Amino acid sequence: MDMGLKNKTALVTGSTRGIGRAIAIELAKEGVNVLINGRNGEEVERIVNEMKLDFPNTAPGNATADIVDRNQREALFRKYPNIDILVNNMGIYEIMEYEDVDDEVWEKYFRTNVLAANGLSKFYLPQMLNNGFGRVIFIASEEAVMPSGQMPQYCMTKSMVLSLSKSLSKLTKGTEVTVNTIMPGPTLSENVHQIIDGIYPDEDMSFPEKEKKFMNLNLPQSELQRFIRPIEIGRLAAFVCSPYANAFKGSPIRMDGGMVPTIY
């Protein structure tokens, strides 16, 4: 299926690995020129070179920047003043007990998971409205609506992202610009893969066996009973970016494997 995105330009934050990289790859498959973002310039350049080889009909770009830093964001705006798609994927998380989350941690998570994405959106959304087409996608989590209690500082920011996305969507009324949020459930990132292997070091167990055991013991509420693959989220994101998804406006799009037990 041709998503109608050929020659569009997309900035995907945190796109050197995990969900961000999967989204970048799926967009590139649709002919999108993807700007790869991360803080490590060498790593970003390596991914850009791989994208050039894998998708020779696209023009990937190096968008190295720590987007939490306002000065680096502004430098990024000067380098890439016009884009069609913004995917606010970059974020941090850590399991922490509530009593261990001090004011500095709250502020760090707010700056990283909310303000950085807001800063990018504030610059690019008006330009999209002027151009008559644009997509802003925030990557949140099922923890935004079903906090586990294990990392309150993270859950708080993802709930805020839902509100921010809906607020920005109000600005797109009557246009072909959309702002939406994708809410993945537990996802098999590189780090999660390593954690599962570390929990079950038995070499006689295949990874699917380790994964199934972990899900049964730790995430029995999951109806999927496996981790979501980043590529699945990437494919969903590519569709939401497409002209076929104009009717998605301010939507919190759940892809949680049945983790959330309620209808809403």
Protein backbone atom coordinates (compact mmCIF):
# COMPACT_ATOMS: atom_id res chain seq x y z
CA MET A 1 0.00 0.00 0.00
CA ASP A 2 1.40 3.37 -1.02
CA MET A 3 0.96 5.72 1.93
CA GLY A 4 1.33 8.84 -0.21
CA LEU A 5 4.33 10.12 1.73
CA LYS A 6 7.03 10.12 -0.96
CA ASN A 7 9.44 13.07 -0.69
CA LYS A 8 7.98 14.25 2.63
CA THR A 9 10.51 15.20 5.30
CA ALA A 10 10.26 13.81 8.82
CA LEU A 11 12.16 14.53 12.02
CA VAL A 12 12.04 11.55 14.37
CA THR A 13 13.60 12.29 17.74
CA GLY A 14 15.59 9.55 19.43
CA SER A 15 15.77 7.61 16.18
CA THR A 16 19.09 5.76 16.47
CA ARG A 17 17.48 2.77 18.19
CA GLY A 18 14.30 1.21 19.46
CA ILE A 19 10.90 2.61 18.58
CA GLY A 20 12.37 5.75 17.03
CA ARG A 21 14.55 3.83 14.63
CA ALA A 22 11.67 1.53 13.69
CA ILE A 23 9.51 4.54 12.88
CA ALA A 24 12.33 6.05 10.82
CA ILE A 25 12.71 2.83 8.83
CA GLU A 26 9.00 2.46 8.13
CA LEU A 27 8.77 6.08 6.98
CA ALA A 28 11.81 5.62 4.74
CA LYS A 29 10.12 2.59 3.16
CA GLU A 30 7.39 5.03 2.10
CA GLY A 31 9.89 7.37 0.45
CA VAL A 32 10.15 9.84 3.33
CA ASN A 33 13.39 11.74 3.83
CA VAL A 34 14.01 11.04 7.52
CA LEU A 35 16.13 13.26 9.74
CA ILE A 36 17.85 11.00 12.25
CA ASN A 37 18.19 12.47 15.73
CA GLY A 38 20.29 11.57 18.73
CA ARG A 39 22.94 13.12 20.96
CA ASN A 40 25.86 11.02 19.72
CA GLY A 41 26.96 12.46 16.38
CA GLU A 42 28.94 9.39 15.34
CA GLU A 43 26.03 7.08 16.04
CA VAL A 44 23.63 9.35 14.17
CA GLU A 45 25.96 9.48 11.17
CA ARG A 46 26.28 5.68 11.19
CA ILE A 47 22.49 5.30 11.06
CA VAL A 48 22.22 7.94 8.32
CA ASN A 49 24.76 6.04 6.21
CA GLU A 50 22.86 2.78 6.75
CA MET A 51 19.63 4.49 5.69
CA LYS A 52 21.29 5.79 2.53
CA LEU A 53 22.30 2.24 1.60
CA ASP A 54 18.98 0.66 2.52
CA PHE A 55 16.79 3.38 0.99
CA PRO A 56 18.78 4.90 -1.90
CA ASN A 57 15.78 6.81 -3.23
CA THR A 58 15.52 8.89 -0.06
CA ALA A 59 17.72 11.59 1.44
CA PRO A 60 18.18 10.93 5.16
CA GLY A 61 19.70 13.74 7.20
CA ASN A 62 21.89 14.11 10.28
CA ALA A 63 19.92 15.90 12.99
CA THR A 64 22.35 15.43 15.86
CA ALA A 65 21.16 17.45 18.85
CA ASP A 66 20.31 17.19 22.51
CA ILE A 67 16.78 18.48 22.04
CA VAL A 68 16.40 19.11 25.77
CA ASP A 69 18.89 21.96 25.32
CA ARG A 70 17.15 25.05 23.92
CA ASN A 71 20.28 26.28 22.13
CA GLN A 72 20.70 22.95 20.36
CA ARG A 73 17.03 22.93 19.40
CA GLU A 74 17.41 26.37 17.87
CA ALA A 75 20.48 25.21 15.94
CA LEU A 76 18.40 22.31 14.65
CA PHE A 77 15.69 24.73 13.52
CA ARG A 78 18.25 26.72 11.55
CA LYS A 79 19.57 23.58 9.87
CA TYR A 80 16.13 22.13 9.11
CA PRO A 81 13.59 24.98 9.10
CA ASN A 82 10.90 23.07 7.18
CA ILE A 83 9.57 19.57 7.79
CA ASP A 84 6.29 17.79 7.08
CA ILE A 85 6.30 15.28 9.93
CA LEU A 86 7.48 15.55 13.53
CA VAL A 87 7.61 12.43 15.68
CA ASN A 88 8.29 13.29 19.32
CA ASN A 89 9.68 9.92 20.36
CA MET A 90 12.65 10.75 22.59
CA GLY A 91 12.11 10.20 26.28
CA ILE A 92 13.60 8.79 29.45
CA TYR A 93 12.29 6.38 32.07
CA GLU A 94 13.53 4.60 35.18
CA ILE A 95 11.83 2.50 37.81
CA MET A 96 11.81 4.58 41.00
CA GLU A 97 9.89 4.53 44.26
CA TYR A 98 7.82 7.64 44.91
CA GLU A 99 9.80 8.56 48.04
CA ASP A 100 13.01 8.58 45.99
CA VAL A 101 11.71 11.05 43.39
CA ASP A 102 12.93 14.47 44.51
CA ASP A 103 12.23 17.85 42.92
CA GLU A 104 15.28 17.62 40.66
CA VAL A 105 14.05 14.33 39.21
CA TRP A 106 10.54 15.70 38.64
CA GLU A 107 12.02 18.71 36.83
CA LYS A 108 14.39 16.55 34.77
CA TYR A 109 11.55 14.36 33.52
CA PHE A 110 9.36 17.37 32.77
CA ARG A 111 12.13 19.05 30.76
CA THR A 112 13.04 15.88 28.88
CA ASN A 113 9.71 14.21 28.21
CA VAL A 114 7.46 17.26 27.87
CA LEU A 115 9.24 20.56 27.32
CA ALA A 116 11.63 19.24 24.64
CA ALA A 117 8.75 17.87 22.56
CA ASN A 118 6.74 21.03 23.15
CA GLY A 119 9.65 23.17 21.98
CA LEU A 120 9.88 21.28 18.70
CA SER A 121 6.13 21.33 18.20
CA LYS A 122 5.91 25.04 18.92
CA PHE A 123 8.37 25.76 16.12
CA TYR A 124 7.18 23.30 13.48
CA LEU A 125 3.40 23.24 13.95
CA PRO A 126 2.78 26.85 12.75
CA GLN A 127 4.89 26.14 9.66
CA MET A 128 2.83 23.01 8.93
CA LEU A 129 -0.38 25.02 9.26
CA ASN A 130 0.98 27.55 6.77
CA ASN A 131 1.91 24.77 4.34
CA GLY A 132 -1.50 23.10 4.56
CA PHE A 133 -0.19 19.66 5.57
CA GLY A 134 1.64 18.26 8.54
CA ARG A 135 1.82 15.54 11.12
CA VAL A 136 2.86 15.76 14.76
CA ILE A 137 2.98 12.49 16.67
CA PHE A 138 3.82 12.10 20.34
CA ILE A 139 4.94 8.70 21.60
CA ALA A 140 3.47 8.15 25.05
CA SER A 141 2.74 4.90 26.90
CA GLU A 142 -0.07 2.87 28.40
CA GLU A 143 1.37 4.17 31.69
CA ALA A 144 -0.22 7.53 30.82
CA VAL A 145 -3.66 6.12 31.59
CA MET A 146 -2.74 3.13 33.76
CA PRO A 147 0.13 4.20 36.05
CA SER A 148 1.88 1.19 37.54
CA GLY A 149 3.17 3.09 40.57
CA GLN A 150 6.72 1.98 39.79
CA MET A 151 7.83 5.19 38.09
CA PRO A 152 5.48 8.05 38.95
CA GLN A 153 7.82 10.67 37.48
CA TYR A 154 7.56 8.99 34.05
CA CYS A 155 3.81 8.33 34.19
CA MET A 156 3.16 11.97 35.06
CA THR A 157 4.97 13.20 31.95
CA LYS A 158 3.19 10.77 29.63
CA SER A 159 -0.20 11.91 30.95
CA MET A 160 0.89 15.48 30.29
CA VAL A 161 1.83 14.54 26.73
CA LEU A 162 -1.74 13.34 26.12
CA SER A 163 -3.09 16.69 27.26
CA LEU A 164 -0.53 18.63 25.23
CA SER A 165 -1.32 16.65 22.09
CA LYS A 166 -5.05 17.27 22.45
CA SER A 167 -4.48 20.98 23.09
CA LEU A 168 -2.30 21.35 19.99
CA SER A 169 -4.81 19.42 17.91
CA LYS A 170 -7.38 22.14 18.63
CA LEU A 171 -5.17 24.51 16.62
CA THR A 172 -5.51 22.36 13.49
CA LYS A 173 -9.28 22.70 13.08
CA GLY A 174 -10.34 22.63 9.43
CA THR A 175 -6.86 21.75 8.14
CA GLU A 176 -5.02 18.67 6.92
CA VAL A 177 -2.57 19.02 9.80
CA THR A 178 -3.01 16.48 12.59
CA VAL A 179 -1.62 16.03 16.09
CA ASN A 180 -1.96 12.61 17.71
CA THR A 181 -0.44 10.38 20.36
CA ILE A 182 0.54 6.73 20.05
CA MET A 183 0.46 4.82 23.33
CA PRO A 184 2.55 1.63 23.10
CA GLY A 185 2.46 -1.06 25.71
CA PRO A 186 5.57 -2.99 26.84
CA THR A 187 7.92 -2.98 23.86
CA LEU A 188 10.92 -5.14 23.01
CA SER A 189 13.67 -2.54 22.85
CA GLU A 190 17.33 -3.49 22.84
CA ASN A 191 17.51 -2.79 26.58
CA VAL A 192 14.47 -4.94 27.34
CA HIS A 193 15.95 -7.80 25.30
CA GLN A 194 19.14 -7.62 27.38
CA ILE A 195 17.16 -7.47 30.63
CA ILE A 196 15.16 -10.59 29.75
CA ASP A 197 18.32 -12.47 28.75
CA GLY A 198 19.87 -11.42 32.07
CA ILE A 199 16.89 -12.62 34.11
CA TYR A 200 16.93 -16.02 32.39
CA PRO A 201 20.58 -16.81 31.55
CA ASP A 202 19.77 -20.46 30.78
CA GLU A 203 21.26 -21.00 27.34
CA ASP A 204 18.88 -23.89 26.66
CA MET A 205 15.90 -21.50 26.65
CA SER A 206 15.04 -19.75 23.41
CA PHE A 207 14.19 -16.07 23.65
CA PRO A 208 10.48 -16.68 22.91
CA GLU A 209 10.46 -19.11 25.85
CA LYS A 210 12.10 -16.53 28.11
CA GLU A 211 9.68 -13.89 26.90
CA LYS A 212 6.64 -16.08 27.55
CA LYS A 213 7.84 -16.95 31.04
CA PHE A 214 8.47 -13.30 31.88
CA MET A 215 5.06 -12.23 30.61
CA ASN A 216 3.26 -14.97 32.53
CA LEU A 217 4.96 -14.02 35.79
CA ASN A 218 5.21 -10.24 35.49
CA LEU A 219 2.60 -9.02 33.00
CA PRO A 220 -0.27 -11.51 33.20
CA GLN A 221 -2.76 -8.77 32.30
CA SER A 222 -1.29 -8.51 28.79
CA GLU A 223 -3.62 -10.11 26.28
CA LEU A 224 -0.83 -10.25 23.70
CA GLN A 225 1.45 -12.20 26.07
CA ARG A 226 4.58 -11.02 24.32
CA PHE A 227 6.36 -7.72 23.98
CA ILE A 228 5.26 -5.44 21.18
CA ARG A 229 7.88 -5.24 18.43
CA PRO A 230 9.15 -1.77 17.52
CA ILE A 231 8.36 -2.46 13.86
CA GLU A 232 4.67 -2.82 14.76
CA ILE A 233 4.69 0.67 16.25
CA GLY A 234 6.64 1.93 13.24
CA ARG A 235 4.01 0.65 10.84
CA LEU A 236 1.23 2.27 12.84
CA ALA A 237 3.12 5.56 12.94
CA ALA A 238 3.64 5.48 9.16
CA PHE A 239 -0.11 5.11 8.64
CA VAL A 240 -0.92 7.93 11.08
CA CYS A 241 1.49 10.13 9.12
CA SER A 242 -0.25 9.36 5.84
CA PRO A 243 -3.01 11.35 4.10
CA TYR A 244 -5.30 8.37 4.79
CA ALA A 245 -5.28 9.34 8.48
CA ASN A 246 -6.64 12.89 8.18
CA ALA A 247 -9.56 12.00 10.46
CA PHE A 248 -7.27 11.17 13.36
CA LYS A 249 -7.36 14.45 15.29
CA GLY A 250 -6.07 14.68 18.86
CA SER A 251 -6.46 10.93 19.25
CA PRO A 252 -4.73 8.84 21.92
CA ILE A 253 -4.08 5.74 19.80
CA ARG A 254 -3.54 2.70 21.99
CA MET A 255 -1.29 -0.15 20.87
CA ASP A 256 -0.87 -1.76 24.26
CA GLY A 257 -1.38 -5.46 23.63
CA GLY A 258 -4.48 -5.38 25.82
CA MET A 259 -2.60 -4.10 28.87
CA VAL A 260 -5.24 -1.48 29.68
CA PRO A 261 -8.25 -3.38 31.06
CA THR A 262 -10.84 -0.68 30.42
CA ILE A 263 -12.69 0.53 27.32
CA TYR A 264 -11.54 4.14 27.73
